[in-house]
């Protein structure tokens, strides 16, 4: 990963534990609407959720926190995409295969 993201992920990656949040909490934490979250997922600037069951998803808390730090730090769209791609690459391989939002 690029050194430019070191300050953003410092203290977040690797996480001490893995916690998940459902959509309502993610909306509250980011200030985004449901459609805004999914629009940014499609754009590659927001981490995709992981599948909990047939019809339930949740977001990895430390990924959302790192994305929020990146936005506050003023990263541009391409930098956000790079950060999100890196975060998803850090996931356990079984998580990567679960979500329909990850290519």
N, C-alpha and C. Protein backbone atom coordinates (compact mmCIF):
# COMPACT_ATOMS: atom_id res chain seq x y z
N UNK A 1 0.83 -1.18 0.00
CA UNK A 1 0.00 0.00 0.00
C UNK A 1 0.87 1.24 0.00
N UNK A 2 0.35 2.26 -0.59
CA UNK A 2 1.06 3.52 -0.68
C UNK A 2 1.29 4.12 0.71
N UNK A 3 2.42 4.78 0.87
CA UNK A 3 2.74 5.42 2.15
C UNK A 3 1.77 6.56 2.46
N UNK A 4 1.12 7.09 1.45
CA UNK A 4 0.21 8.21 1.69
C UNK A 4 -1.01 7.82 2.52
N UNK A 5 -1.30 6.52 2.61
CA UNK A 5 -2.44 6.06 3.39
C UNK A 5 -2.04 5.63 4.80
N UNK A 6 -0.78 5.66 5.12
CA UNK A 6 -0.31 5.19 6.41
C UNK A 6 -1.01 5.91 7.56
N UNK A 7 -1.10 7.22 7.52
CA UNK A 7 -1.73 7.98 8.60
C UNK A 7 -3.22 7.68 8.70
N UNK A 8 -3.85 7.37 7.60
CA UNK A 8 -5.29 7.10 7.61
C UNK A 8 -5.60 5.77 8.28
N UNK A 9 -4.82 4.75 7.98
CA UNK A 9 -5.12 3.43 8.52
C UNK A 9 -4.41 3.14 9.84
N UNK A 10 -3.50 4.03 10.25
CA UNK A 10 -2.78 3.84 11.50
C UNK A 10 -3.75 3.76 12.67
N UNK A 11 -3.62 2.72 13.46
CA UNK A 11 -4.51 2.52 14.59
C UNK A 11 -5.81 1.83 14.23
N UNK A 12 -6.06 1.65 12.95
CA UNK A 12 -7.28 0.97 12.50
C UNK A 12 -6.93 -0.40 11.92
N UNK A 13 -5.87 -0.46 11.12
CA UNK A 13 -5.42 -1.72 10.50
C UNK A 13 -4.12 -2.14 11.14
N UNK A 14 -3.90 -3.36 11.49
CA UNK A 14 -4.94 -4.38 11.57
C UNK A 14 -5.81 -4.13 12.80
N UNK A 15 -7.07 -4.47 12.73
CA UNK A 15 -7.98 -4.22 13.85
C UNK A 15 -7.71 -5.17 15.01
N UNK A 16 -8.02 -4.69 16.22
CA UNK A 16 -7.90 -5.55 17.40
C UNK A 16 -8.99 -6.62 17.36
N UNK A 17 -10.14 -6.24 16.84
CA UNK A 17 -11.22 -7.20 16.65
C UNK A 17 -12.03 -6.78 15.43
N UNK A 18 -12.80 -7.69 14.95
CA UNK A 18 -13.62 -7.41 13.77
C UNK A 18 -15.06 -7.25 14.21
N UNK A 19 -15.59 -6.06 14.04
CA UNK A 19 -16.98 -5.81 14.36
C UNK A 19 -17.69 -5.35 13.09
N UNK A 20 -18.98 -5.59 13.06
CA UNK A 20 -19.79 -5.27 11.89
C UNK A 20 -20.91 -4.32 12.27
N UNK A 21 -21.33 -3.52 11.31
CA UNK A 21 -22.46 -2.61 11.51
C UNK A 21 -23.46 -2.80 10.39
N UNK A 22 -24.71 -2.71 10.76
CA UNK A 22 -25.77 -2.77 9.76
C UNK A 22 -25.93 -1.39 9.11
N UNK A 23 -26.73 -1.34 8.08
CA UNK A 23 -26.86 -0.15 7.24
C UNK A 23 -27.23 1.11 8.03
N UNK A 24 -28.18 1.02 8.93
CA UNK A 24 -28.60 2.22 9.67
C UNK A 24 -27.44 2.84 10.44
N UNK A 25 -26.62 2.00 11.04
CA UNK A 25 -25.46 2.53 11.77
C UNK A 25 -24.44 3.13 10.82
N UNK A 26 -24.26 2.53 9.66
CA UNK A 26 -23.32 3.06 8.67
C UNK A 26 -23.81 4.42 8.17
N UNK A 27 -25.11 4.53 7.94
CA UNK A 27 -25.68 5.82 7.53
C UNK A 27 -25.40 6.87 8.60
N UNK A 28 -25.62 6.50 9.84
CA UNK A 28 -25.39 7.44 10.95
C UNK A 28 -23.92 7.83 11.04
N UNK A 29 -23.02 6.86 10.89
CA UNK A 29 -21.58 7.12 11.02
C UNK A 29 -21.01 7.93 9.86
N UNK A 30 -21.63 7.84 8.69
CA UNK A 30 -21.08 8.52 7.51
C UNK A 30 -21.87 9.75 7.08
N UNK A 31 -23.12 9.82 7.48
CA UNK A 31 -23.97 10.91 7.01
C UNK A 31 -24.53 10.67 5.62
N UNK A 32 -24.30 9.48 5.09
CA UNK A 32 -24.80 9.14 3.76
C UNK A 32 -26.16 8.46 3.85
N UNK A 33 -26.94 8.60 2.79
CA UNK A 33 -28.21 7.87 2.69
C UNK A 33 -27.92 6.47 2.16
N UNK A 34 -28.93 5.63 2.18
CA UNK A 34 -28.77 4.27 1.64
C UNK A 34 -28.33 4.34 0.18
N UNK A 35 -29.01 5.16 -0.61
CA UNK A 35 -28.64 5.24 -2.03
C UNK A 35 -27.25 5.82 -2.20
N UNK A 36 -26.86 6.74 -1.34
CA UNK A 36 -25.51 7.31 -1.41
C UNK A 36 -24.44 6.27 -1.12
N UNK A 37 -24.70 5.41 -0.13
CA UNK A 37 -23.75 4.34 0.18
C UNK A 37 -23.59 3.42 -1.02
N UNK A 38 -24.70 2.95 -1.56
CA UNK A 38 -24.62 2.01 -2.67
C UNK A 38 -24.08 2.65 -3.95
N UNK A 39 -24.32 3.93 -4.14
CA UNK A 39 -23.75 4.64 -5.29
C UNK A 39 -22.22 4.69 -5.16
N UNK A 40 -21.73 4.96 -3.95
CA UNK A 40 -20.29 5.00 -3.74
C UNK A 40 -19.66 3.61 -3.81
N UNK A 41 -20.39 2.58 -3.39
CA UNK A 41 -19.89 1.21 -3.56
C UNK A 41 -19.71 0.92 -5.04
N UNK A 42 -20.70 1.27 -5.84
CA UNK A 42 -20.62 1.04 -7.28
C UNK A 42 -19.47 1.82 -7.90
N UNK A 43 -19.16 2.98 -7.34
CA UNK A 43 -18.08 3.83 -7.83
C UNK A 43 -16.71 3.36 -7.32
N UNK A 44 -16.72 2.48 -6.33
CA UNK A 44 -15.46 1.98 -5.77
C UNK A 44 -14.88 2.86 -4.68
N UNK A 45 -15.67 3.83 -4.20
CA UNK A 45 -15.17 4.75 -3.19
C UNK A 45 -15.71 4.48 -1.79
N UNK A 46 -16.39 3.36 -1.63
CA UNK A 46 -16.91 2.95 -0.32
C UNK A 46 -16.78 1.44 -0.24
N UNK A 47 -16.36 0.91 0.92
CA UNK A 47 -16.20 -0.54 1.03
C UNK A 47 -17.53 -1.26 0.93
N UNK A 48 -17.53 -2.34 0.21
CA UNK A 48 -18.74 -3.16 0.05
C UNK A 48 -19.01 -3.92 1.34
N UNK A 49 -20.29 -4.24 1.58
CA UNK A 49 -20.62 -5.01 2.78
C UNK A 49 -20.26 -6.48 2.61
N UNK A 50 -20.30 -7.18 3.73
CA UNK A 50 -20.14 -8.64 3.70
C UNK A 50 -21.51 -9.26 3.92
N UNK A 51 -21.70 -10.42 3.37
CA UNK A 51 -22.97 -11.11 3.45
C UNK A 51 -23.08 -11.85 4.78
N UNK A 52 -24.16 -11.58 5.50
CA UNK A 52 -24.41 -12.26 6.77
C UNK A 52 -25.33 -13.47 6.59
N UNK A 53 -26.20 -13.38 5.62
CA UNK A 53 -27.16 -14.43 5.34
C UNK A 53 -27.76 -14.20 3.98
N UNK A 54 -28.82 -14.90 3.68
CA UNK A 54 -29.42 -14.81 2.35
C UNK A 54 -29.87 -13.39 2.00
N UNK A 55 -30.31 -12.64 3.00
CA UNK A 55 -30.82 -11.29 2.73
C UNK A 55 -30.30 -10.25 3.71
N UNK A 56 -29.15 -10.50 4.28
CA UNK A 56 -28.62 -9.56 5.27
C UNK A 56 -27.14 -9.29 5.01
N UNK A 57 -26.80 -8.01 5.07
CA UNK A 57 -25.40 -7.60 4.90
C UNK A 57 -25.01 -6.68 6.05
N UNK A 58 -23.70 -6.54 6.24
CA UNK A 58 -23.17 -5.61 7.23
C UNK A 58 -21.83 -5.11 6.74
N UNK A 59 -21.41 -3.97 7.26
CA UNK A 59 -20.13 -3.39 6.89
C UNK A 59 -19.11 -3.64 7.98
N UNK A 60 -17.86 -3.79 7.58
CA UNK A 60 -16.77 -3.99 8.52
C UNK A 60 -16.44 -2.61 9.11
N UNK A 61 -16.56 -2.50 10.43
CA UNK A 61 -16.42 -1.20 11.09
C UNK A 61 -15.10 -0.50 10.82
N UNK A 62 -13.99 -1.22 10.87
CA UNK A 62 -12.71 -0.54 10.67
C UNK A 62 -12.54 -0.05 9.23
N UNK A 63 -13.20 -0.69 8.28
CA UNK A 63 -13.15 -0.20 6.89
C UNK A 63 -13.93 1.11 6.75
N UNK A 64 -15.08 1.17 7.38
CA UNK A 64 -15.89 2.40 7.34
C UNK A 64 -15.14 3.53 8.06
N UNK A 65 -14.51 3.21 9.20
CA UNK A 65 -13.75 4.23 9.93
C UNK A 65 -12.59 4.76 9.10
N UNK A 66 -11.88 3.88 8.42
CA UNK A 66 -10.75 4.31 7.57
C UNK A 66 -11.25 5.15 6.41
N UNK A 67 -12.36 4.78 5.83
CA UNK A 67 -12.94 5.56 4.72
C UNK A 67 -13.34 6.95 5.22
N UNK A 68 -13.93 7.02 6.42
CA UNK A 68 -14.30 8.33 6.98
C UNK A 68 -13.07 9.20 7.21
N UNK A 69 -12.01 8.62 7.74
CA UNK A 69 -10.76 9.37 7.93
C UNK A 69 -10.23 9.88 6.59
N UNK A 70 -10.32 9.06 5.58
CA UNK A 70 -9.83 9.45 4.26
C UNK A 70 -10.61 10.64 3.70
N UNK A 71 -11.92 10.61 3.89
CA UNK A 71 -12.76 11.73 3.43
C UNK A 71 -12.40 12.99 4.19
N UNK A 72 -12.24 12.88 5.50
CA UNK A 72 -11.87 14.04 6.31
C UNK A 72 -10.50 14.57 5.91
N UNK A 73 -9.59 13.66 5.55
CA UNK A 73 -8.24 14.06 5.13
C UNK A 73 -8.21 14.67 3.74
N UNK A 74 -9.32 14.59 3.02
CA UNK A 74 -9.40 15.24 1.72
C UNK A 74 -8.92 14.41 0.55
N UNK A 75 -8.89 13.09 0.69
CA UNK A 75 -8.47 12.25 -0.43
C UNK A 75 -9.42 12.44 -1.60
N UNK A 76 -8.88 12.44 -2.81
CA UNK A 76 -9.73 12.58 -3.98
C UNK A 76 -10.32 11.22 -4.35
N UNK A 77 -11.15 11.21 -5.37
CA UNK A 77 -11.89 10.01 -5.78
C UNK A 77 -10.96 8.84 -6.11
N UNK A 78 -9.91 9.10 -6.87
CA UNK A 78 -8.98 8.04 -7.23
C UNK A 78 -8.25 7.49 -6.01
N UNK A 79 -7.89 8.35 -5.10
CA UNK A 79 -7.23 7.90 -3.87
C UNK A 79 -8.18 7.08 -3.00
N UNK A 80 -9.45 7.49 -2.94
CA UNK A 80 -10.44 6.71 -2.19
C UNK A 80 -10.60 5.32 -2.81
N UNK A 81 -10.65 5.27 -4.13
CA UNK A 81 -10.76 3.97 -4.81
C UNK A 81 -9.58 3.08 -4.48
N UNK A 82 -8.39 3.65 -4.49
CA UNK A 82 -7.19 2.88 -4.17
C UNK A 82 -7.25 2.36 -2.73
N UNK A 83 -7.66 3.22 -1.81
CA UNK A 83 -7.77 2.83 -0.41
C UNK A 83 -8.81 1.72 -0.23
N UNK A 84 -9.97 1.88 -0.82
CA UNK A 84 -11.03 0.88 -0.69
C UNK A 84 -10.59 -0.45 -1.29
N UNK A 85 -9.96 -0.42 -2.44
CA UNK A 85 -9.46 -1.66 -3.05
C UNK A 85 -8.44 -2.34 -2.15
N UNK A 86 -7.57 -1.56 -1.53
CA UNK A 86 -6.58 -2.13 -0.62
C UNK A 86 -7.26 -2.76 0.59
N UNK A 87 -8.26 -2.07 1.16
CA UNK A 87 -8.94 -2.60 2.34
C UNK A 87 -9.64 -3.92 2.01
N UNK A 88 -10.31 -3.97 0.88
CA UNK A 88 -11.01 -5.19 0.51
C UNK A 88 -10.03 -6.33 0.26
N UNK A 89 -8.87 -6.01 -0.28
CA UNK A 89 -7.84 -7.02 -0.51
C UNK A 89 -7.32 -7.60 0.80
N UNK A 90 -7.45 -6.83 1.90
CA UNK A 90 -6.98 -7.30 3.21
C UNK A 90 -7.96 -8.27 3.87
N UNK A 91 -9.17 -8.36 3.34
CA UNK A 91 -10.18 -9.24 3.93
C UNK A 91 -9.80 -10.71 3.77
N UNK A 92 -10.36 -11.50 4.65
CA UNK A 92 -10.23 -12.95 4.55
C UNK A 92 -10.82 -13.38 3.20
N UNK A 93 -10.18 -14.31 2.50
CA UNK A 93 -10.68 -14.72 1.18
C UNK A 93 -12.13 -15.18 1.18
N UNK A 94 -12.59 -15.80 2.24
CA UNK A 94 -13.98 -16.26 2.28
C UNK A 94 -14.95 -15.08 2.28
N UNK A 95 -14.56 -13.94 2.86
CA UNK A 95 -15.41 -12.75 2.85
C UNK A 95 -15.50 -12.15 1.46
N UNK A 96 -14.39 -12.19 0.73
CA UNK A 96 -14.37 -11.60 -0.60
C UNK A 96 -15.34 -12.31 -1.52
N UNK A 97 -15.51 -13.60 -1.34
CA UNK A 97 -16.37 -14.37 -2.21
C UNK A 97 -17.85 -14.24 -1.85
N UNK A 98 -18.14 -13.76 -0.64
CA UNK A 98 -19.52 -13.72 -0.17
C UNK A 98 -20.32 -12.57 -0.76
N UNK A 99 -19.71 -11.45 -1.00
CA UNK A 99 -20.46 -10.27 -1.37
C UNK A 99 -20.62 -10.12 -2.87
N UNK A 100 -21.84 -9.83 -3.29
CA UNK A 100 -22.10 -9.59 -4.70
C UNK A 100 -21.57 -8.24 -5.16
N UNK A 101 -21.16 -7.39 -4.20
CA UNK A 101 -20.72 -6.05 -4.53
C UNK A 101 -19.24 -5.98 -4.89
N UNK A 102 -18.53 -7.07 -4.65
CA UNK A 102 -17.09 -7.09 -4.91
C UNK A 102 -16.83 -7.86 -6.19
N UNK A 103 -16.09 -7.24 -7.10
CA UNK A 103 -15.79 -7.92 -8.37
C UNK A 103 -14.80 -9.02 -8.18
